[in-house]
Protein backbone atom coordinates (compact mmCIF):
# COMPACT_ATOMS: atom_id res chain seq x y z
CA MET A 1 158.75 86.28 31.06
CA ILE A 2 157.98 88.79 33.75
CA ILE A 3 159.30 89.01 37.22
CA ASN A 4 157.71 92.83 38.21
CA SER A 5 155.02 90.75 39.32
CA ASN A 6 154.81 87.32 40.56
CA ILE A 7 151.23 86.73 39.81
CA ALA A 8 151.61 83.14 40.99
CA ALA A 9 152.93 84.17 44.37
CA LEU A 10 150.37 86.56 45.12
CA ASN A 11 147.25 84.61 44.14
CA ALA A 12 149.03 81.39 46.63
CA PHE A 13 149.82 84.13 49.21
CA ASN A 14 146.12 85.12 49.11
CA LYS A 15 145.05 81.25 49.33
CA LEU A 16 147.30 80.87 52.49
CA LYS A 17 145.82 83.66 54.15
CA LYS A 18 141.74 82.53 53.60
CA ASN A 19 143.09 79.32 54.53
CA ASN A 20 144.23 80.38 57.60
CA SER A 21 141.92 82.47 58.39
CA LYS A 22 139.46 79.81 58.45
CA THR A 23 142.21 77.82 60.38
CA SER A 24 141.95 80.79 63.08
CA THR A 25 137.98 80.45 62.94
CA ALA A 26 137.56 76.65 63.47
CA MET A 27 139.91 76.85 66.21
CA GLU A 28 137.97 79.31 68.35
CA LYS A 29 134.63 77.51 67.46
CA LEU A 30 136.68 74.21 69.27
CA SER A 31 137.88 76.14 71.90
CA SER A 32 134.84 78.31 73.20
CA GLY A 33 132.64 75.27 71.78
CA LEU A 34 130.76 78.10 70.08
CA ARG A 35 129.31 78.94 66.55
CA ILE A 36 128.68 82.50 67.68
CA ASN A 37 131.60 84.24 69.35
CA LYS A 38 131.32 87.64 67.81
CA ALA A 39 128.25 89.51 66.12
CA GLY A 40 129.41 88.95 62.75
CA ASP A 41 129.98 85.29 62.82
CA ASP A 42 125.94 85.48 62.83
CA PRO A 43 124.31 88.73 63.72
CA ALA A 44 120.55 87.63 63.35
CA GLY A 45 121.80 84.51 64.96
CA LEU A 46 123.42 86.34 67.99
CA ALA A 47 120.10 88.64 68.10
CA ILE A 48 117.46 85.94 69.05
CA SER A 49 120.05 84.08 71.22
CA GLU A 50 120.33 86.53 73.40
CA LYS A 51 116.63 86.93 73.51
CA MET A 52 116.40 82.93 73.80
CA ARG A 53 119.46 83.47 76.95
CA ALA A 54 117.41 86.12 78.59
CA GLN A 55 114.14 84.05 78.82
CA ILE A 56 116.45 80.63 80.16
CA ARG A 57 118.05 82.43 83.09
CA GLY A 58 114.38 84.12 83.77
CA LEU A 59 113.00 80.52 83.89
CA VAL A 60 115.88 79.50 85.75
CA GLN A 61 115.41 82.31 88.61
CA ALA A 62 111.45 81.69 88.31
CA GLN A 63 112.58 78.14 89.43
CA ARG A 64 113.58 79.31 92.69
CA ASN A 65 111.15 81.50 93.18
CA ILE A 66 108.57 78.62 92.55
CA LEU A 67 110.48 76.56 95.38
CA ASP A 68 110.34 79.80 97.57
CA GLY A 69 107.10 79.96 97.25
CA ILE A 70 106.23 76.09 97.97
CA SER A 71 108.40 76.73 100.99
CA LEU A 72 105.79 79.31 102.73
CA VAL A 73 102.85 77.46 101.50
CA GLN A 74 104.22 74.62 103.42
CA VAL A 75 105.25 76.92 106.26
CA ALA A 76 101.59 78.22 106.00
CA GLU A 77 99.96 74.71 106.02
CA GLY A 78 102.21 73.36 108.92
CA GLY A 79 100.84 76.43 111.11
CA MET A 80 97.09 75.95 110.07
CA SER A 81 97.66 71.97 111.00
CA GLU A 82 98.13 72.85 114.41
CA ILE A 83 95.66 75.08 114.95
CA HIS A 84 93.36 72.21 113.70
CA SER A 85 95.10 70.32 116.80
CA SER A 86 93.89 72.96 118.94
CA LEU A 87 90.73 73.58 117.89
CA GLN A 88 89.79 69.82 117.73
CA ARG A 89 90.88 70.17 121.58
CA ILE A 90 88.65 73.07 122.56
CA ARG A 91 85.89 71.13 120.44
CA GLU A 92 86.51 68.07 122.76
CA LEU A 93 86.52 70.14 125.86
CA SER A 94 82.97 72.28 125.01
CA VAL A 95 81.54 68.62 124.54
CA GLN A 96 83.16 67.68 128.02
CA SER A 97 81.34 70.76 129.33
CA SER A 98 78.47 70.58 127.89
CA ASN A 99 77.15 67.19 129.77
CA GLY A 100 75.51 67.79 133.09
CA THR A 101 77.62 65.86 135.47
CA TYR A 102 79.74 68.61 135.87
CA THR A 103 79.89 71.57 138.36
CA ASP A 104 80.82 75.28 137.54
CA GLU A 105 84.17 73.99 139.33
CA ASP A 106 84.72 71.98 137.26
CA ARG A 107 83.58 74.02 134.16
CA ASN A 108 85.94 76.59 135.31
CA SER A 109 88.76 74.07 135.24
CA MET A 110 87.73 73.42 131.84
CA GLN A 111 87.55 77.26 130.78
CA ILE A 112 91.10 77.45 131.95
CA GLU A 113 92.27 74.92 129.48
CA VAL A 114 90.37 76.58 126.85
CA THR A 115 91.29 80.12 127.24
CA GLN A 116 94.89 78.68 126.73
CA LEU A 117 94.45 76.85 123.78
CA ILE A 118 92.31 79.81 122.32
CA ASN A 119 95.84 82.29 122.99
CA GLN A 120 97.96 79.66 121.19
CA VAL A 121 95.72 79.81 118.21
CA SER A 122 96.18 83.59 118.33
CA THR A 123 99.86 82.91 118.58
CA ILE A 124 100.54 80.59 116.10
CA ALA A 125 98.49 82.88 113.53
CA ASN A 126 99.95 86.10 114.58
CA ASN A 127 103.61 84.73 114.87
CA THR A 128 103.78 82.23 112.11
CA GLU A 129 106.20 83.82 109.55
CA PHE A 130 107.86 83.16 106.54
CA ASN A 131 111.08 85.65 105.47
CA GLY A 132 109.46 88.27 107.95
CA LEU A 133 106.00 88.11 106.22
CA PRO A 134 103.19 87.28 108.61
CA LEU A 135 101.31 84.37 106.91
CA LEU A 136 98.21 83.73 108.76
CA SER A 137 97.06 87.24 109.92
CA GLY A 138 96.37 89.03 106.39
CA GLN A 139 94.40 91.87 106.62
CA TYR A 140 93.59 92.37 103.53
CA ASP A 141 90.06 91.88 101.42
CA LYS A 142 89.69 89.63 98.39
CA GLY A 143 90.50 92.75 95.64
CA GLY A 144 93.49 93.46 97.53
CA ASN A 145 92.10 96.27 99.99
CA LYS A 146 93.40 96.56 103.89
CA VAL A 147 90.93 96.17 106.20
CA ALA A 148 90.98 97.69 109.30
CA LEU A 149 89.54 94.63 111.53
CA GLY A 150 87.62 94.16 114.31
CA SER A 151 86.01 96.71 116.47
CA LEU A 152 87.39 99.93 118.39
CA ASP A 153 89.41 98.08 121.22
CA GLN A 154 92.22 97.45 118.38
CA TYR A 155 93.05 101.21 117.79
CA VAL A 156 92.27 103.26 120.86
CA GLN A 157 94.67 103.21 123.94
CA TYR A 158 91.97 102.02 126.24
CA ILE A 159 87.69 101.78 126.22
CA THR A 160 85.78 99.58 128.77
CA THR A 161 85.22 96.45 127.75
CA THR A 162 83.63 94.16 130.06
CA GLY A 163 79.58 94.54 128.74
CA GLY A 164 78.86 97.19 131.68
CA ILE A 165 78.88 100.66 132.49
CA THR A 166 81.83 99.49 134.66
CA ASP A 167 84.21 102.68 135.19
CA THR A 168 83.50 105.69 136.57
CA TYR A 169 83.66 109.36 135.57
CA THR A 170 84.58 112.22 138.56
CA TYR A 171 82.37 115.54 138.55
CA GLY A 172 83.09 117.48 142.33
CA SER A 173 82.84 115.91 144.64
CA ASN A 174 80.38 112.72 142.79
CA ASN A 175 81.30 109.82 140.58
CA TYR A 176 79.05 108.70 138.34
CA ALA A 177 78.87 105.37 136.28
CA SER A 178 80.51 105.64 133.14
CA ALA A 179 82.47 104.24 130.25
CA ILE A 180 85.51 104.98 128.80
CA ILE A 181 87.49 105.56 125.77
CA ASP A 182 90.78 106.81 125.40
CA PHE A 183 91.93 107.99 122.35
CA SER A 184 95.04 109.64 122.91
CA ASN A 185 96.72 107.27 120.60
CA ILE A 186 95.33 108.56 117.42
CA ASN A 187 97.80 110.81 115.88
CA SER A 188 96.92 110.82 112.61
CA ALA A 189 94.81 111.12 109.72
CA ASN A 190 95.30 107.06 109.33
CA ASP A 191 94.45 106.67 112.80
CA VAL A 192 91.42 107.96 112.43
CA TYR A 193 90.52 106.62 109.26
CA ASN A 194 91.11 102.40 111.37
CA LEU A 195 87.75 104.11 113.14
CA VAL A 196 85.43 104.36 109.97
CA GLY A 197 82.47 102.11 110.11
CA LYS A 198 83.14 101.33 113.72
CA GLY A 199 81.40 101.99 116.52
CA VAL A 200 79.73 101.81 120.59
CA TYR A 201 76.65 101.84 122.26
CA TYR A 202 75.81 101.93 125.55
CA THR A 203 72.00 101.73 127.66
CA CYS A 204 70.94 104.21 130.17
CA CYS A 205 70.65 102.89 133.54
CA THR A 206 67.01 102.49 134.00
CA CYS A 207 65.69 101.43 130.45
CA SER A 208 67.43 99.59 127.49
CA LYS A 209 67.37 102.36 125.42
CA ALA A 210 70.58 102.03 123.21
CA TYR A 211 72.74 105.32 122.59
CA SER A 212 75.16 104.66 119.52
CA ILE A 213 78.18 106.60 118.20
CA LYS A 214 78.87 105.73 115.00
CA PHE A 215 82.16 107.16 113.00
CA VAL A 216 81.78 108.17 109.69
CA ASP A 217 84.48 110.00 106.74
CA GLY A 218 82.05 112.59 105.53
CA ASN A 219 77.82 113.37 104.93
CA PRO A 220 76.69 111.71 108.86
CA ASP A 221 73.09 110.91 108.42
CA THR A 222 71.78 112.30 111.18
CA SER A 223 67.62 111.11 110.53
CA ARG A 224 68.54 107.96 113.27
CA LEU A 225 69.20 110.78 116.06
CA ASN A 226 65.53 110.45 117.14
CA ASP A 227 65.09 106.65 116.88
CA PRO A 228 63.88 105.15 119.74
CA ASN A 229 67.63 103.84 119.33
CA PRO A 230 69.17 106.69 118.21
CA VAL A 231 72.34 106.78 116.23
CA MET A 232 74.89 109.63 116.46
CA GLU A 233 77.39 109.71 113.08
CA VAL A 234 80.14 111.56 113.41
CA ASP A 235 82.32 113.01 110.81
CA VAL A 236 85.91 112.16 111.48
CA SER A 237 87.16 112.94 107.65
CA ALA A 238 89.01 116.40 108.90
CA ILE A 239 90.30 114.95 112.34
CA THR A 240 94.02 113.92 112.51
CA ASN A 241 94.15 113.44 116.78
CA GLY A 242 92.81 112.11 119.69
CA THR A 243 91.79 115.15 121.29
CA ASP A 244 90.26 116.66 118.20
CA LEU A 245 88.32 113.73 117.46
CA VAL A 246 87.01 113.47 121.25
CA ASP A 247 86.11 117.68 120.79
CA LYS A 248 84.15 116.79 118.24
CA ILE A 249 81.83 113.76 119.17
CA ILE A 250 81.33 116.88 122.05
CA GLU A 251 80.37 119.10 119.72
CA THR A 252 78.11 116.82 117.53
CA ALA A 253 76.29 115.34 120.26
CA TYR A 254 75.45 119.01 122.15
CA GLY A 255 75.67 121.58 119.42
CA GLN A 256 78.53 123.22 120.73
CA SER A 257 81.83 123.20 120.71
CA GLY A 258 83.40 122.58 124.13
CA PHE A 259 80.70 122.29 125.85
CA VAL A 260 81.07 120.58 129.47
CA TYR A 261 77.64 119.21 131.10
CA ASP A 262 77.26 120.15 134.43
CA PRO A 263 75.51 116.92 136.36
CA THR A 264 75.43 118.67 139.69
CA SER A 265 72.76 121.11 138.35
CA ASN A 266 70.64 118.19 137.54
CA SER A 267 70.32 114.66 138.53
CA GLY A 268 67.61 114.03 136.10
CA ILE A 269 66.56 114.59 132.14
CA PRO A 270 68.62 117.93 131.47
CA THR A 271 66.02 120.69 130.36
CA ILE A 272 67.30 121.94 126.65
CA GLY A 273 68.53 125.78 126.96
CA THR A 274 68.83 125.65 130.23
CA HIS A 275 71.11 122.69 131.29
CA VAL A 276 72.55 121.47 127.83
CA PRO A 277 72.11 123.87 124.13
CA SER A 278 69.23 124.34 122.81
CA ASN A 279 70.41 122.97 119.50
CA ALA A 280 71.71 119.78 121.65
CA THR A 281 70.80 116.69 119.73
CA SER A 282 68.33 113.95 121.62
CA PHE A 283 71.25 111.89 121.70
CA VAL A 284 72.11 113.97 125.20
CA THR A 285 68.37 114.47 126.62
CA HIS A 286 67.95 111.79 128.67
CA PHE A 287 70.05 110.65 131.28
CA SER A 288 73.30 109.48 129.81
CA GLN A 289 75.99 112.19 129.22
CA LEU A 290 79.68 112.88 127.97
CA ALA A 291 82.62 114.40 128.64
CA ALA A 292 85.69 115.34 127.52
CA ASP A 293 89.13 115.25 129.17
CA GLY A 294 91.85 115.71 126.38
CA GLY A 295 92.25 112.44 124.31
CA LYS A 296 89.56 110.15 126.79
CA LEU A 297 85.72 110.46 126.25
CA TYR A 298 83.35 109.57 129.60
CA ILE A 299 80.17 107.99 128.14
CA TYR A 300 78.28 108.12 131.92
CA ASP A 301 75.10 107.88 133.79
CA ASN A 302 74.38 111.57 134.76
CA ARG A 303 72.85 110.05 138.52
CA PRO A 304 74.97 109.10 141.32
CA THR A 305 73.02 106.84 142.75
CA TYR A 306 73.85 104.60 140.12
CA ALA A 307 77.70 104.73 140.60
CA THR A 308 77.97 101.77 142.84
CA TRP A 309 75.66 99.29 141.02
CA SER A 310 76.69 96.44 139.37
CA TRP A 311 76.67 96.86 135.03
CA PRO A 312 74.87 95.42 132.87
CA SER A 313 71.92 94.78 134.72
CA SER A 314 69.94 91.19 133.71
CA ASN A 315 67.74 93.01 131.84
CA GLY A 316 70.06 94.84 129.55
CA ARG A 317 70.24 98.33 131.19
CA GLY A 318 73.65 99.53 131.87
CA ALA A 319 75.36 97.70 128.89
CA PHE A 320 78.16 99.08 127.00
CA GLU A 321 79.30 97.04 123.86
CA LEU A 322 81.93 97.84 121.27
CA ASN A 323 79.73 98.06 117.98
CA VAL A 324 76.80 99.89 116.75
CA TYR A 325 73.28 98.95 118.18
CA GLY A 326 71.22 97.25 115.36
CA GLU A 327 74.20 96.61 113.01
CA SER A 328 76.26 93.76 112.93
CA GLU A 329 79.47 94.06 111.54
CA GLU A 330 80.08 92.80 108.50
CA GLU A 331 82.15 89.19 108.27
CA ARG A 332 85.18 89.65 105.63
CA ASP A 333 87.28 86.59 104.40
CA LEU A 334 90.37 88.45 104.87
CA PHE A 335 94.07 86.78 103.21
CA LEU A 336 97.48 87.57 102.71
CA HIS A 337 97.76 88.41 99.06
CA LEU A 338 101.36 87.38 97.23
CA ASN A 339 102.47 87.20 93.96
CA ILE A 340 104.89 84.00 93.14
CA GLN A 341 107.00 84.81 89.87
CA ALA A 342 106.34 81.30 88.36
CA GLY A 343 107.71 82.71 84.41
CA SER A 344 110.72 84.72 82.92
CA GLN A 345 108.59 87.51 81.38
CA SER A 346 106.21 90.44 82.98
CA GLY A 347 103.10 89.08 84.22
CA HIS A 348 103.74 85.52 84.45
CA SER A 349 103.40 85.41 88.05
CA THR A 350 100.80 82.99 90.66
CA ARG A 351 98.92 85.06 92.91
CA ILE A 352 98.51 83.32 96.27
CA SER A 353 95.58 84.44 98.40
CA ILE A 354 95.89 82.83 101.94
CA PRO A 355 93.39 83.01 104.67
CA ASN A 356 93.13 84.93 107.73
CA VAL A 357 92.92 82.24 111.03
CA THR A 358 93.64 84.03 113.66
CA ALA A 359 91.30 83.24 116.55
CA LYS A 360 89.95 86.83 116.66
CA HIS A 361 88.69 86.23 112.76
CA LEU A 362 87.69 82.92 114.03
CA ASN A 363 85.15 84.22 116.14
CA ILE A 364 86.29 82.32 118.77
CA ASP A 365 88.43 84.99 120.99
CA HIS A 366 85.95 84.90 123.56
CA LEU A 367 84.87 81.36 123.44
CA SER A 368 83.15 80.28 126.80
CA VAL A 369 82.82 76.88 128.04
CA ALA A 370 81.85 77.94 131.68
CA SER A 371 78.26 76.99 131.66
CA GLU A 372 76.28 74.52 129.89
CA VAL A 373 74.69 76.60 127.79
CA ASN A 374 77.65 78.60 126.94
CA ALA A 375 79.17 75.24 125.95
CA ASN A 376 76.63 73.84 123.96
CA ALA A 377 76.82 77.29 121.77
CA ALA A 378 80.64 76.53 121.91
CA ILE A 379 80.28 73.65 119.87
CA THR A 380 78.49 75.39 117.07
CA MET A 381 81.20 78.39 116.97
CA ILE A 382 84.00 75.68 117.08
CA ASP A 383 82.99 73.76 114.36
CA HIS A 384 82.24 76.83 112.02
CA ALA A 385 85.93 77.59 112.70
CA ILE A 386 87.35 74.45 112.17
CA SER A 387 85.79 74.65 109.25
CA ARG A 388 87.23 77.53 108.31
CA VAL A 389 90.79 76.71 108.87
CA SER A 390 89.76 73.40 106.83
CA SER A 391 88.80 75.31 104.07
CA ALA A 392 92.16 77.63 104.50
CA ARG A 393 94.27 74.10 104.39
CA THR A 394 92.53 73.12 101.34
CA THR A 395 92.92 76.39 99.52
CA VAL A 396 96.92 76.37 100.50
CA GLY A 397 97.26 72.77 99.30
CA ALA A 398 95.59 73.43 96.28
CA TYR A 399 98.66 76.60 95.79
CA GLN A 400 101.30 73.93 96.93
CA ASN A 401 99.72 71.31 93.80
CA ARG A 402 99.47 74.45 91.07
CA LEU A 403 103.07 75.59 92.65
CA GLU A 404 104.79 71.86 91.68
CA HIS A 405 103.10 71.80 88.32
CA SER A 406 104.30 75.42 87.45
CA LEU A 407 107.90 74.14 88.61
CA ALA A 408 107.83 71.18 85.93
CA ASN A 409 106.31 73.63 83.23
CA ALA A 410 109.30 76.11 83.87
CA SER A 411 111.79 73.61 84.20
CA ASN A 412 110.22 71.95 80.75
CA TYR A 413 110.20 75.02 79.23
CA GLU A 414 113.85 75.88 79.75
CA ILE A 415 115.06 72.54 78.28
CA ARG A 416 113.44 73.52 75.52
CA LEU A 417 114.36 76.96 75.02
CA THR A 418 118.04 75.64 75.86
CA SER A 419 118.11 72.89 72.97
CA ALA A 420 116.68 75.96 70.70
CA GLU A 421 119.46 77.99 72.13
CA SER A 422 122.43 75.36 71.38
CA LEU A 423 121.20 74.84 67.89
CA ILE A 424 121.61 78.59 67.37
CA ARG A 425 124.55 79.54 69.46
CA ASP A 426 126.65 76.19 69.66
CA THR A 427 128.97 74.56 67.89
CA ASP A 428 128.83 71.38 65.92
CA MET A 429 132.51 70.06 67.07
CA ALA A 430 132.83 67.23 64.54
CA LYS A 431 131.61 69.37 61.67
CA GLN A 432 134.35 72.35 63.15
CA MET A 433 137.07 69.43 63.27
CA MET A 434 136.52 68.36 60.35
CA GLU A 435 136.78 72.14 58.64
CA MET A 436 139.87 72.66 60.91
CA THR A 437 141.82 69.31 59.21
CA LYS A 438 140.61 70.28 56.18
CA ASN A 439 141.79 74.28 56.32
CA ASN A 440 145.17 72.96 57.84
CA ILE A 441 145.99 70.71 55.03
CA LEU A 442 144.96 73.75 52.71
CA SER A 443 147.43 76.06 54.36
CA GLN A 444 150.16 73.62 54.52
CA VAL A 445 149.63 73.20 50.40
CA SER A 446 149.49 77.64 50.11
CA GLN A 447 152.50 77.69 51.91
CA SER A 448 154.38 74.63 49.97
CA MET A 449 152.74 76.26 46.83
CA LEU A 450 154.08 80.19 47.61
CA ALA A 451 157.26 78.75 48.31
CA GLN A 452 157.37 77.43 44.51
CA ALA A 453 155.92 80.89 42.91
CA ASN A 454 158.66 82.69 44.73
CA LEU A 455 161.30 80.41 43.16
CA HIS A 456 159.94 80.49 40.03
CA PRO A 457 161.17 83.83 38.67
CA GLN A 458 164.50 82.50 39.10
CA SER A 459 164.34 80.73 36.13
CA VAL A 460 165.05 84.05 34.08
CA LEU A 461 168.70 83.72 35.59
CA GLN A 462 169.09 81.15 33.22
CA LEU A 463 168.89 83.49 30.32
CA LEU A 464 172.09 85.20 31.55
CA GLN A 465 174.39 82.26 31.25
């Protein structure tokens, strides 16, 4: 018999510690409901579980994103619905005005309502927003490139827009029939870039010859300067403000920077080398001339006789139009592009492209029913506008259906991943209670055995009696 080492007690104590540790672990799992409470519980399982948790939380946010997207397209569709209603009423008025039983006074009354309805279409299209985003007036093409819309009148301070040379240029004591383009609000290269591809043309007061100015970004084409209807391309690639732009136009036309034509020295066709520089282009060798005043460009007829006439005439003389003669503006479909993050991973997005349905883009901003002829033409234009808005509403409706399916998919995906993550991370409560009960009993037994083992060496004392 030995007393220095109580092997039985040591064994009992060791088992007691293990049983207590297992009981503590079981209690931790039961109290948290988790099988993995720390990395040591299951390192590989923890790593897999954390990746799944990231996906699950991403899917929860994705569902909120999709709901926001659905709300956005519903707002857009609501605005289009009201635009549709306005267009239908405009068409009704156009059909009414095309009837021969109405007088011009009646048609003018109809025109008042048409104008107000067109303004309302513009108001709805420009002011329908979601979280500050304008939804129905997008300015991007299908490729996502921003497009400078329309003609020069949107980008300059002032421009003659009545269709004729109706403003006045004054030199000395004489007035001259003129059109004006005021570039004073052009203050940066970006402002200038909005003008690229756009232009104006005007016709002589005594003939229908059209003189066009077109703005280009480098490499101006000079081959059309001597055409029957000449086109002068002005390179604006190095221009950053309105004054320099006007100077560039003058320099391009007259072949001399800062040149000022004196209309009082000649009231007819100018003589090259005498009234205009010897290298002046054919653009200014007729009755039409150019003048500068800071950022303001005057395009005028050099004969004061025509200053008070009403332009344009019935045969197209004295016209002023906001495009390049012979070049029709390319009609582009424009959109507001948005990416709805509909998944938990990078690139899991749904692209939404909401068409532009402004009055200008629908080509009804200058619609007239003030005459029987105009009213008949308006019917065709309104039918085209209604068709475009219908197509836009169809597109938006399709996006809503797609997003609703995306929402259902994200929800199902979340449920499946949550279930899978639960199998890895969550504990089986019944099994853990069984383990804890077993370990509790074993702990109690180990504790009892330890007490018995501690008493065992005392039997040596009986040998001393």
